[in-house]
C-alpha atoms as a PDB file:
ATOM      1  CA  MET A   1       0.000   0.000   0.000  1.00  0.00           C
ATOM      2  CA  ILE A   2       1.328   3.447  -0.983  1.00  0.00           C
ATOM      3  CA  ILE A   3       0.229   6.465   1.075  1.00  0.00           C
ATOM      4  CA  SER A   4       0.875  10.191   0.736  1.00  0.00           C
ATOM      5  CA  LYS A   5      -0.307  13.446   2.281  1.00  0.00           C
ATOM      6  CA  ASP A   6       0.681  15.774  -0.556  1.00  0.00           C
ATOM      7  CA  ASP A   7       1.274  13.627  -3.670  1.00  0.00           C
ATOM      8  CA  ARG A   8       4.968  14.494  -3.542  1.00  0.00           C
ATOM      9  CA  GLN A   9       6.378  12.036  -1.039  1.00  0.00           C
ATOM     10  CA  PHE A  10       5.084   8.470  -1.254  1.00  0.00           C
ATOM     11  CA  ILE A  11       5.459   5.968   1.558  1.00  0.00           C
ATOM     12  CA  LYS A  12       5.037   2.214   1.242  1.00  0.00           C
ATOM     13  CA  ILE A  13       3.402   0.522   4.230  1.00  0.00           C
ATOM     14  CA  PRO A  14       1.904  -2.943   4.841  1.00  0.00           C
ATOM     15  CA  ASP A  15      -1.625  -3.577   3.576  1.00  0.00           C
ATOM     16  CA  LYS A  16      -2.475  -5.186   6.910  1.00  0.00           C
ATOM     17  CA  ILE A  17      -1.674  -3.568  10.253  1.00  0.00           C
ATOM     18  CA  SER A  18      -1.702  -5.572  13.454  1.00  0.00           C
ATOM     19  CA  THR A  19      -2.144  -4.092  16.933  1.00  0.00           C
ATOM     20  CA  SER A  20      -2.752  -5.644  20.340  1.00  0.00           C
ATOM     21  CA  GLN A  21      -6.491  -5.179  19.732  1.00  0.00           C
ATOM     22  CA  THR A  22      -7.093  -6.450  16.212  1.00  0.00           C
ATOM     23  CA  LEU A  23      -5.924  -6.579  12.592  1.00  0.00           C
ATOM     24  CA  TYR A  24      -6.717  -3.728  10.177  1.00  0.00           C
ATOM     25  CA  THR A  25      -6.825  -4.137   6.410  1.00  0.00           C
ATOM     26  CA  ILE A  26      -6.438  -0.885   4.497  1.00  0.00           C
ATOM     27  CA  ASP A  27      -8.999  -0.380   1.736  1.00  0.00           C
ATOM     28  CA  ASP A  28      -6.961   0.725  -1.279  1.00  0.00           C
ATOM     29  CA  THR A  29     -10.080   1.106  -3.456  1.00  0.00           C
ATOM     30  CA  THR A  30     -11.499   4.190  -1.701  1.00  0.00           C
ATOM     31  CA  GLY A  31      -8.392   6.330  -1.967  1.00  0.00           C
ATOM     32  CA  ARG A  32      -7.348   8.938   0.563  1.00  0.00           C
ATOM     33  CA  LEU A  33     -10.196  10.198   2.757  1.00  0.00           C
ATOM     34  CA  GLY A  34      -8.407  13.395   3.680  1.00  0.00           C
ATOM     35  CA  ALA A  35      -5.023  15.028   4.182  1.00  0.00           C
ATOM     36  CA  GLY A  36      -3.424  18.023   5.828  1.00  0.00           C
ATOM     37  CA  GLY A  37       0.022  19.448   6.337  1.00  0.00           C
ATOM     38  CA  ASN A  38       1.114  16.625   8.607  1.00  0.00           C
ATOM     39  CA  ALA A  39      -1.035  13.568   8.061  1.00  0.00           C
ATOM     40  CA  ALA A  40      -3.237  11.571   5.729  1.00  0.00           C
ATOM     41  CA  VAL A  41      -6.382   9.566   6.471  1.00  0.00           C
ATOM     42  CA  TYR A  42      -7.384   6.322   4.763  1.00  0.00           C
ATOM     43  CA  GLU A  43     -10.181   3.812   5.214  1.00  0.00           C
ATOM     44  CA  CYS A  44      -9.585   0.433   6.807  1.00  0.00           C
ATOM     45  CA  VAL A  45     -11.582  -2.540   8.045  1.00  0.00           C
ATOM     46  CA  ASP A  46     -10.907  -4.345  11.309  1.00  0.00           C
ATOM     47  CA  ARG A  47     -11.120  -8.091  11.884  1.00  0.00           C
ATOM     48  CA  GLN A  48     -14.723  -7.740  13.078  1.00  0.00           C
ATOM     49  CA  GLY A  49     -15.736  -6.062   9.802  1.00  0.00           C
ATOM     50  CA  ASN A  50     -16.047  -2.508  11.165  1.00  0.00           C
ATOM     51  CA  ASN A  51     -15.147   0.296   8.776  1.00  0.00           C
ATOM     52  CA  ARG A  52     -12.645   2.667  10.380  1.00  0.00           C
ATOM     53  CA  ALA A  53     -10.582   5.691   9.443  1.00  0.00           C
ATOM     54  CA  ILE A  54      -6.841   5.422  10.020  1.00  0.00           C
ATOM     55  CA  LYS A  55      -4.713   8.554  10.304  1.00  0.00           C
ATOM     56  CA  PHE A  56      -0.997   8.305   9.508  1.00  0.00           C
ATOM     57  CA  LEU A  57       1.509  10.962  10.581  1.00  0.00           C
ATOM     58  CA  LEU A  58       3.580  11.688   7.465  1.00  0.00           C
ATOM     59  CA  ASN A  59       5.523  14.706   8.706  1.00  0.00           C
ATOM     60  CA  PHE A  60       8.491  13.173  10.495  1.00  0.00           C
ATOM     61  CA  SER A  61       9.803  16.242  12.307  1.00  0.00           C
ATOM     62  CA  ASP A  62      10.130  16.130  16.089  1.00  0.00           C
ATOM     63  CA  LYS A  63       7.527  18.919  16.344  1.00  0.00           C
ATOM     64  CA  ALA A  64       4.959  16.974  14.310  1.00  0.00           C
ATOM     65  CA  ARG A  65       5.597  13.795  16.286  1.00  0.00           C
ATOM     66  CA  LYS A  66       5.067  15.604  19.595  1.00  0.00           C
ATOM     67  CA  ARG A  67       1.809  17.147  18.365  1.00  0.00           C
ATOM     68  CA  PHE A  68       0.557  13.798  17.080  1.00  0.00           C
ATOM     69  CA  ALA A  69       1.362  12.137  20.406  1.00  0.00           C
ATOM     70  CA  GLN A  70      -0.596  14.829  22.218  1.00  0.00           C
ATOM     71  CA  GLU A  71      -3.561  14.416  19.847  1.00  0.00           C
ATOM     72  CA  VAL A  72      -3.663  10.687  20.590  1.00  0.00           C
ATOM     73  CA  ASP A  73      -3.332  11.294  24.330  1.00  0.00           C
ATOM     74  CA  VAL A  74      -6.185  13.823  24.398  1.00  0.00           C
ATOM     75  CA  LEU A  75      -8.512  11.693  22.241  1.00  0.00           C
ATOM     76  CA  LEU A  76      -7.975   8.648  24.449  1.00  0.00           C
ATOM     77  CA  LYS A  77      -9.031  10.694  27.485  1.00  0.00           C
ATOM     78  CA  LEU A  78     -12.261  11.894  25.871  1.00  0.00           C
ATOM     79  CA  ASP A  79     -15.570  10.080  25.654  1.00  0.00           C
ATOM     80  CA  ASP A  80     -18.356  12.173  24.190  1.00  0.00           C
ATOM     81  CA  PRO A  81     -20.918  11.348  21.473  1.00  0.00           C
ATOM     82  CA  HIS A  82     -19.980  14.565  19.634  1.00  0.00           C
ATOM     83  CA  ILE A  83     -16.206  14.017  19.582  1.00  0.00           C
ATOM     84  CA  ILE A  84     -14.640  11.629  17.093  1.00  0.00           C
ATOM     85  CA  LYS A  85     -13.632   8.484  18.962  1.00  0.00           C
ATOM     86  CA  CYS A  86     -10.112   7.076  18.858  1.00  0.00           C
ATOM     87  CA  VAL A  87     -10.432   3.285  19.000  1.00  0.00           C
ATOM     88  CA  ASP A  88      -6.771   2.271  18.602  1.00  0.00           C
ATOM     89  CA  ASN A  89      -3.273   3.580  17.912  1.00  0.00           C
ATOM     90  CA  GLY A  90       0.246   2.346  17.259  1.00  0.00           C
ATOM     91  CA  GLU A  91       3.301   2.590  15.025  1.00  0.00           C
ATOM     92  CA  LEU A  92       4.470   0.849  11.872  1.00  0.00           C
ATOM     93  CA  ASN A  93       7.464   0.861   9.554  1.00  0.00           C
ATOM     94  CA  GLY A  94       7.243   2.680   6.224  1.00  0.00           C
ATOM     95  CA  VAL A  95       9.658   3.140   3.326  1.00  0.00           C
ATOM     96  CA  ASP A  96      10.018   6.200   1.081  1.00  0.00           C
ATOM     97  CA  THR A  97       9.518   4.895  -2.461  1.00  0.00           C
ATOM     98  CA  LYS A  98      12.082   7.338  -3.926  1.00  0.00           C
ATOM     99  CA  THR A  99      14.887   7.329  -1.352  1.00  0.00           C
ATOM    100  CA  ASN A 100      14.283   3.924   0.295  1.00  0.00           C
ATOM    101  CA  LYS A 101      14.596   5.682   3.658  1.00  0.00           C
ATOM    102  CA  ASN A 102      12.824   3.958   6.526  1.00  0.00           C
ATOM    103  CA  PHE A 103      10.449   5.799   8.844  1.00  0.00           C
ATOM    104  CA  ILE A 104       8.567   4.869  11.993  1.00  0.00           C
ATOM    105  CA  ILE A 105       5.003   6.069  11.321  1.00  0.00           C
ATOM    106  CA  PRO A 106       2.594   6.696  14.214  1.00  0.00           C
ATOM    107  CA  PHE A 107      -1.072   6.118  13.455  1.00  0.00           C
ATOM    108  CA  LEU A 108      -4.421   6.354  15.165  1.00  0.00           C
ATOM    109  CA  VAL A 109      -7.627   4.538  14.278  1.00  0.00           C
ATOM    110  CA  MET A 110     -10.953   6.361  14.578  1.00  0.00           C
ATOM    111  CA  GLU A 111     -14.623   5.903  13.937  1.00  0.00           C
ATOM    112  CA  LYS A 112     -15.293   6.474  10.251  1.00  0.00           C
ATOM    113  CA  ALA A 113     -17.545   9.428   9.505  1.00  0.00           C
ATOM    114  CA  ASP A 114     -19.789   9.727   6.458  1.00  0.00           C
ATOM    115  CA  MET A 115     -18.611  13.213   5.436  1.00  0.00           C
ATOM    116  CA  ASN A 116     -17.702  16.602   6.855  1.00  0.00           C
ATOM    117  CA  ILE A 117     -20.279  19.304   7.485  1.00  0.00           C
ATOM    118  CA  VAL A 118     -19.499  21.083   4.185  1.00  0.00           C
ATOM    119  CA  GLY A 119     -20.394  17.950   2.213  1.00  0.00           C
ATOM    120  CA  TYR A 120     -23.480  17.548   4.373  1.00  0.00           C
ATOM    121  CA  MET A 121     -24.597  21.117   3.642  1.00  0.00           C
ATOM    122  CA  ARG A 122     -24.029  20.700  -0.088  1.00  0.00           C
ATOM    123  CA  LYS A 123     -26.046  17.508  -0.055  1.00  0.00           C
ATOM    124  CA  ALA A 124     -28.889  19.314   1.735  1.00  0.00           C
ATOM    125  CA  GLU A 125     -29.062  21.925  -1.075  1.00  0.00           C
ATOM    126  CA  GLY A 126     -30.597  24.537   1.190  1.00  0.00           C
ATOM    127  CA  THR A 127     -30.609  25.888   4.726  1.00  0.00           C
ATOM    128  CA  LEU A 128     -30.867  23.262   7.417  1.00  0.00           C
ATOM    129  CA  GLY A 129     -34.016  23.184   9.502  1.00  0.00           C
ATOM    130  CA  TYR A 130     -34.006  24.240  13.148  1.00  0.00           C
ATOM    131  CA  ASN A 131     -34.874  20.706  14.278  1.00  0.00           C
ATOM    132  CA  VAL A 132     -31.761  19.457  12.470  1.00  0.00           C
ATOM    133  CA  TYR A 133     -29.168  21.928  13.715  1.00  0.00           C
ATOM    134  CA  ALA A 134     -30.424  22.830  17.212  1.00  0.00           C
ATOM    135  CA  PRO A 135     -29.608  19.510  18.944  1.00  0.00           C
ATOM    136  CA  GLN A 136     -26.324  19.260  17.048  1.00  0.00           C
ATOM    137  CA  ILE A 137     -24.989  22.683  18.030  1.00  0.00           C
ATOM    138  CA  ARG A 138     -25.960  21.896  21.626  1.00  0.00           C
ATOM    139  CA  GLY A 139     -24.001  18.658  21.354  1.00  0.00           C
ATOM    140  CA  LEU A 140     -20.951  20.322  19.825  1.00  0.00           C
ATOM    141  CA  ALA A 141     -20.975  23.078  22.460  1.00  0.00           C
ATOM    142  CA  HIS A 142     -21.079  20.378  25.148  1.00  0.00           C
ATOM    143  CA  ALA A 143     -18.247  18.494  23.410  1.00  0.00           C
ATOM    144  CA  LEU A 144     -16.096  21.639  23.342  1.00  0.00           C
ATOM    145  CA  ASN A 145     -16.812  22.186  27.024  1.00  0.00           C
ATOM    146  CA  LYS A 146     -15.648  18.638  27.768  1.00  0.00           C
ATOM    147  CA  LEU A 147     -12.528  19.096  25.618  1.00  0.00           C
ATOM    148  CA  HIS A 148     -11.691  22.312  27.480  1.00  0.00           C
ATOM    149  CA  LYS A 149     -11.270  20.358  30.698  1.00  0.00           C
ATOM    150  CA  ILE A 150      -7.992  19.082  29.260  1.00  0.00           C
ATOM    151  CA  ALA A 151      -7.100  20.915  26.029  1.00  0.00           C
ATOM    152  CA  VAL A 152      -7.646  23.838  23.644  1.00  0.00           C
ATOM    153  CA  HIS A 153      -8.524  22.719  20.091  1.00  0.00           C
ATOM    154  CA  ARG A 154      -7.130  25.736  18.118  1.00  0.00           C
ATOM    155  CA  ASP A 155      -8.227  24.415  14.697  1.00  0.00           C
ATOM    156  CA  ILE A 156     -12.026  24.509  14.556  1.00  0.00           C
ATOM    157  CA  LYS A 157     -13.340  24.898  11.006  1.00  0.00           C
ATOM    158  CA  PRO A 158     -16.145  23.336   8.938  1.00  0.00           C
ATOM    159  CA  GLU A 159     -13.856  20.647   7.532  1.00  0.00           C
ATOM    160  CA  ASN A 160     -13.153  19.477  11.092  1.00  0.00           C
ATOM    161  CA  ILE A 161     -16.839  19.031  11.934  1.00  0.00           C
ATOM    162  CA  LEU A 162     -17.682  15.527  10.747  1.00  0.00           C
ATOM    163  CA  VAL A 163     -21.071  13.870  10.293  1.00  0.00           C
ATOM    164  CA  ARG A 164     -21.661  10.245  11.270  1.00  0.00           C
ATOM    165  CA  GLY A 165     -25.249   9.147  10.828  1.00  0.00           C
ATOM    166  CA  GLU A 166     -27.231  12.029  12.313  1.00  0.00           C
ATOM    167  CA  THR A 167     -24.498  13.125  14.724  1.00  0.00           C
ATOM    168  CA  TRP A 168     -22.068  15.999  14.190  1.00  0.00           C
ATOM    169  CA  LEU A 169     -18.575  15.361  15.555  1.00  0.00           C
ATOM    170  CA  LEU A 170     -15.689  17.584  16.591  1.00  0.00           C
ATOM    171  CA  SER A 171     -12.515  16.146  15.067  1.00  0.00           C
ATOM    172  CA  ASP A 172      -8.847  16.701  14.166  1.00  0.00           C
ATOM    173  CA  LEU A 173      -7.032  17.645  17.358  1.00  0.00           C
ATOM    174  CA  GLY A 174      -3.663  17.811  15.610  1.00  0.00           C
ATOM    175  CA  LEU A 175      -3.031  21.395  16.764  1.00  0.00           C
ATOM    176  CA  CYS A 176      -4.487  21.049  20.251  1.00  0.00           C
ATOM    177  CA  THR A 177      -2.552  22.054  23.338  1.00  0.00           C
ATOM    178  CA  ALA A 178      -3.100  20.785  26.872  1.00  0.00           C
ATOM    179  CA  ILE A 179      -4.661  23.057  29.479  1.00  0.00           C
ATOM    180  CA  ASP A 180      -2.371  21.704  32.216  1.00  0.00           C
ATOM    181  CA  GLU A 181       1.082  23.251  31.784  1.00  0.00           C
ATOM    182  CA  GLU A 182       2.763  20.124  33.117  1.00  0.00           C
ATOM    183  CA  GLU A 183       1.170  18.021  30.369  1.00  0.00           C
ATOM    184  CA  ARG A 184       1.509  20.604  27.596  1.00  0.00           C
ATOM    185  CA  ILE A 185       3.594  19.727  24.561  1.00  0.00           C
ATOM    186  CA  ASP A 186       3.533  23.088  22.791  1.00  0.00           C
ATOM    187  CA  VAL A 187       6.252  23.509  20.191  1.00  0.00           C
ATOM    188  CA  THR A 188       4.589  26.530  18.592  1.00  0.00           C
ATOM    189  CA  LYS A 189       6.885  29.387  17.657  1.00  0.00           C
ATOM    190  CA  THR A 190       5.957  32.912  18.720  1.00  0.00           C
ATOM    191  CA  GLN A 191       4.628  34.101  15.352  1.00  0.00           C
ATOM    192  CA  GLU A 192       3.781  30.729  13.815  1.00  0.00           C
ATOM    193  CA  ARG A 193       0.291  30.566  12.295  1.00  0.00           C
ATOM    194  CA  ILE A 194      -1.798  28.226  14.403  1.00  0.00           C
ATOM    195  CA  GLY A 195      -5.348  27.530  13.368  1.00  0.00           C
ATOM    196  CA  PRO A 196      -7.667  27.442  10.362  1.00  0.00           C
ATOM    197  CA  LYS A 197      -6.739  30.017   7.728  1.00  0.00           C
ATOM    198  CA  TYR A 198     -10.214  31.488   7.201  1.00  0.00           C
ATOM    199  CA  TRP A 199     -11.601  30.859  10.692  1.00  0.00           C
ATOM    200  CA  LEU A 200      -9.028  32.429  13.011  1.00  0.00           C
ATOM    201  CA  SER A 201     -10.176  34.360  16.047  1.00  0.00           C
ATOM    202  CA  PRO A 202      -8.956  38.001  16.183  1.00  0.00           C
ATOM    203  CA  GLU A 203      -6.361  37.135  18.834  1.00  0.00           C
ATOM    204  CA  ALA A 204      -5.084  34.164  16.798  1.00  0.00           C
ATOM    205  CA  SER A 205      -4.514  36.541  13.871  1.00  0.00           C
ATOM    206  CA  ASP A 206      -2.823  39.096  16.152  1.00  0.00           C
ATOM    207  CA  ARG A 207      -0.509  36.390  17.412  1.00  0.00           C
ATOM    208  CA  ILE A 208       0.713  35.670  13.878  1.00  0.00           C
ATOM    209  CA  TYR A 209       1.738  39.276  13.288  1.00  0.00           C
ATOM    210  CA  PHE A 210       2.848  40.408  16.733  1.00  0.00           C
ATOM    211  CA  GLY A 211       3.122  37.315  18.946  1.00  0.00           C
ATOM    212  CA  THR A 212       1.172  39.231  21.553  1.00  0.00           C
ATOM    213  CA  GLN A 213      -1.811  37.084  22.539  1.00  0.00           C
ATOM    214  CA  GLU A 214      -2.280  33.529  23.673  1.00  0.00           C
ATOM    215  CA  ILE A 215      -4.774  31.294  21.923  1.00  0.00           C
ATOM    216  CA  ASP A 216      -7.049  30.076  24.700  1.00  0.00           C
ATOM    217  CA  VAL A 217     -10.531  28.664  25.202  1.00  0.00           C
ATOM    218  CA  ALA A 218     -12.188  31.947  24.157  1.00  0.00           C
ATOM    219  CA  SER A 219     -10.585  31.550  20.737  1.00  0.00           C
ATOM    220  CA  ASP A 220     -12.153  28.095  20.371  1.00  0.00           C
ATOM    221  CA  VAL A 221     -15.542  29.557  21.331  1.00  0.00           C
ATOM    222  CA  TYR A 222     -15.165  32.194  18.609  1.00  0.00           C
ATOM    223  CA  GLN A 223     -14.179  29.646  15.964  1.00  0.00           C
ATOM    224  CA  LEU A 224     -16.972  27.214  16.834  1.00  0.00           C
ATOM    225  CA  CYS A 225     -19.602  29.949  16.758  1.00  0.00           C
ATOM    226  CA  ALA A 226     -18.273  31.217  13.419  1.00  0.00           C
ATOM    227  CA  VAL A 227     -18.819  27.686  12.110  1.00  0.00           C
ATOM    228  CA  PHE A 228     -22.315  27.606  13.656  1.00  0.00           C
ATOM    229  CA  TRP A 229     -23.173  30.878  11.881  1.00  0.00           C
ATOM    230  CA  PHE A 230     -21.888  29.438   8.600  1.00  0.00           C
ATOM    231  CA  ILE A 231     -23.896  26.216   9.009  1.00  0.00           C
ATOM    232  CA  ILE A 232     -27.154  27.952   9.907  1.00  0.00           C
ATOM    233  CA  THR A 233     -27.005  30.825   7.407  1.00  0.00           C
ATOM    234  CA  ARG A 234     -24.922  29.182   4.640  1.00  0.00           C
ATOM    235  CA  ARG A 235     -22.837  32.364   4.608  1.00  0.00           C
ATOM    236  CA  TYR A 236     -19.306  32.959   5.843  1.00  0.00           C
ATOM    237  CA  PRO A 237     -19.347  35.421   8.794  1.00  0.00           C
ATOM    238  CA  LEU A 238     -16.818  37.901   7.421  1.00  0.00           C
ATOM    239  CA  GLY A 239     -16.879  41.588   8.368  1.00  0.00           C
ATOM    240  CA  VAL A 240     -19.316  43.221  10.744  1.00  0.00           C
ATOM    241  CA  ILE A 241     -22.251  40.842  10.981  1.00  0.00           C
ATOM    242  CA  GLU A 242     -25.561  41.968  12.459  1.00  0.00           C
ATOM    243  CA  ASP A 243     -28.768  40.339  13.568  1.00  0.00           C
ATOM    244  CA  ASP A 244     -30.520  41.075  10.262  1.00  0.00           C
ATOM    245  CA  ASP A 245     -27.897  38.897   8.514  1.00  0.00           C
ATOM    246  CA  TYR A 246     -29.370  35.928  10.359  1.00  0.00           C
ATOM    247  CA  PRO A 247     -32.608  34.032   9.577  1.00  0.00           C
ATOM    248  CA  SER A 248     -35.465  35.869  11.274  1.00  0.00           C
ATOM    249  CA  HIS A 249     -36.993  32.680  12.712  1.00  0.00           C
ATOM    250  CA  ASP A 250     -34.212  32.130  15.218  1.00  0.00           C
ATOM    251  CA  GLY A 251     -33.382  35.411  16.911  1.00  0.00           C
ATOM    252  CA  VAL A 252     -32.432  33.972  20.316  1.00  0.00           C
ATOM    253  CA  VAL A 253     -29.674  31.740  18.935  1.00  0.00           C
ATOM    254  CA  CYS A 254     -28.546  34.648  16.753  1.00  0.00           C
ATOM    255  CA  LYS A 255     -28.113  36.805  19.869  1.00  0.00           C
ATOM    256  CA  GLU A 256     -25.887  34.177  21.515  1.00  0.00           C
ATOM    257  CA  LEU A 257     -23.743  33.712  18.408  1.00  0.00           C
ATOM    258  CA  LEU A 258     -23.271  37.458  17.982  1.00  0.00           C
ATOM    259  CA  LYS A 259     -22.123  37.647  21.598  1.00  0.00           C
ATOM    260  CA  ALA A 260     -19.560  34.891  20.970  1.00  0.00           C
ATOM    261  CA  LEU A 261     -18.319  36.560  17.761  1.00  0.00           C
ATOM    262  CA  LYS A 262     -17.501  39.967  19.231  1.00  0.00           C
ATOM    263  CA  TYR A 263     -14.165  41.367  18.136  1.00  0.00           C
ATOM    264  CA  ASN A 264     -13.279  42.443  21.668  1.00  0.00           C
ATOM    265  CA  LYS A 265     -12.284  39.301  23.511  1.00  0.00           C
ATOM    266  CA  GLY A 266     -13.277  40.863  26.835  1.00  0.00           C
ATOM    267  CA  LYS A 267     -16.879  41.322  25.645  1.00  0.00           C
ATOM    268  CA  ARG A 268     -17.111  37.877  24.108  1.00  0.00           C
ATOM    269  CA  THR A 269     -18.561  34.717  25.621  1.00  0.00           C
ATOM    270  CA  GLN A 270     -15.563  33.712  27.693  1.00  0.00           C
ATOM    271  CA  SER A 271     -15.870  29.973  28.088  1.00  0.00           C
ATOM    272  CA  SER A 272     -17.344  26.886  26.496  1.00  0.00           C
ATOM    273  CA  THR A 273     -19.308  26.340  29.711  1.00  0.00           C
ATOM    274  CA  ALA A 274     -21.034  29.702  29.239  1.00  0.00           C
ATOM    275  CA  LEU A 275     -21.549  28.947  25.545  1.00  0.00           C
ATOM    276  CA  TYR A 276     -23.111  25.557  26.230  1.00  0.00           C
ATOM    277  CA  GLU A 277     -25.431  27.001  28.866  1.00  0.00           C
ATOM    278  CA  SER A 278     -26.520  29.860  26.607  1.00  0.00           C
ATOM    279  CA  ILE A 279     -27.088  27.582  23.585  1.00  0.00           C
ATOM    280  CA  CYS A 280     -29.123  25.204  25.757  1.00  0.00           C
ATOM    281  CA  LYS A 281     -31.241  28.018  27.105  1.00  0.00           C
ATOM    282  CA  ALA A 282     -31.771  29.554  23.666  1.00  0.00           C
ATOM    283  CA  THR A 283     -32.815  26.275  22.026  1.00  0.00           C
ATOM    284  CA  ILE A 284     -34.514  24.352  24.817  1.00  0.00           C
ATOM    285  CA  ASP A 285     -36.604  27.362  25.911  1.00  0.00           C
ATOM    286  CA  ARG A 286     -37.858  27.700  22.363  1.00  0.00           C
ATOM    287  CA  GLU A 287     -38.637  24.001  22.070  1.00  0.00           C
ATOM    288  CA  VAL A 288     -40.525  24.011  25.370  1.00  0.00           C
ATOM    289  CA  ALA A 289     -42.497  27.069  24.252  1.00  0.00           C
ATOM    290  CA  VAL A 290     -43.503  25.317  21.046  1.00  0.00           C
END
């Protein structure tokens, strides 16, 4: 099996991967499910016949290895229906097809999603109904709150919200950093860009240019609510957005998202706990009233 994250470097790995839990057979007919700057994701099937997604680290720098190890560690500590589940992990030997250089490749095995939220929205061909998105944004807000007990995500964007059945999942913790300083493996340089290019919080952008602000839980709240706005309105929340840019049927949720998307971090919803509570109140109160 030949794998690649960028179609420039190609790594040969075994077709079958054995761990202490089971045996995984990589499906070479489906192609690559996804790729980023550091890793690539392929489909595999375990011995019990379950379809899984397997993520291979294909950036072999010490920095990338440390980040991947932290991603695995954080995922193994989490158990939430709205966070992608890591079911296994390990290492294997791979060989560069051009240089014949050997690499030790870490991998993690996850639940396989059906698509990301962008594909889901395109398939819907129109705005999603309140009954579809309301329970899912509650679930994602709760998932972020649970994640924030141990880590900051730092890379929330539509492509990292996956859909499995009817459930929306927070995924891709490759840029996460631990909340506890003693457990933190942060190899980020002062002005290194951390986060999704088009979905950065104001302070994440400031950090790139001036190295002046930390990316903390409030940044995750901003990014998640920007994605919520995008999902509900089918429009990217760029510039100064106002309540009349939002569907008129859902003014209470609009109010909470606008609060979380304020430019001034001090005026913004400060925590995922506050976000979850406000989203619950905004949606559940409406549902009870109906």
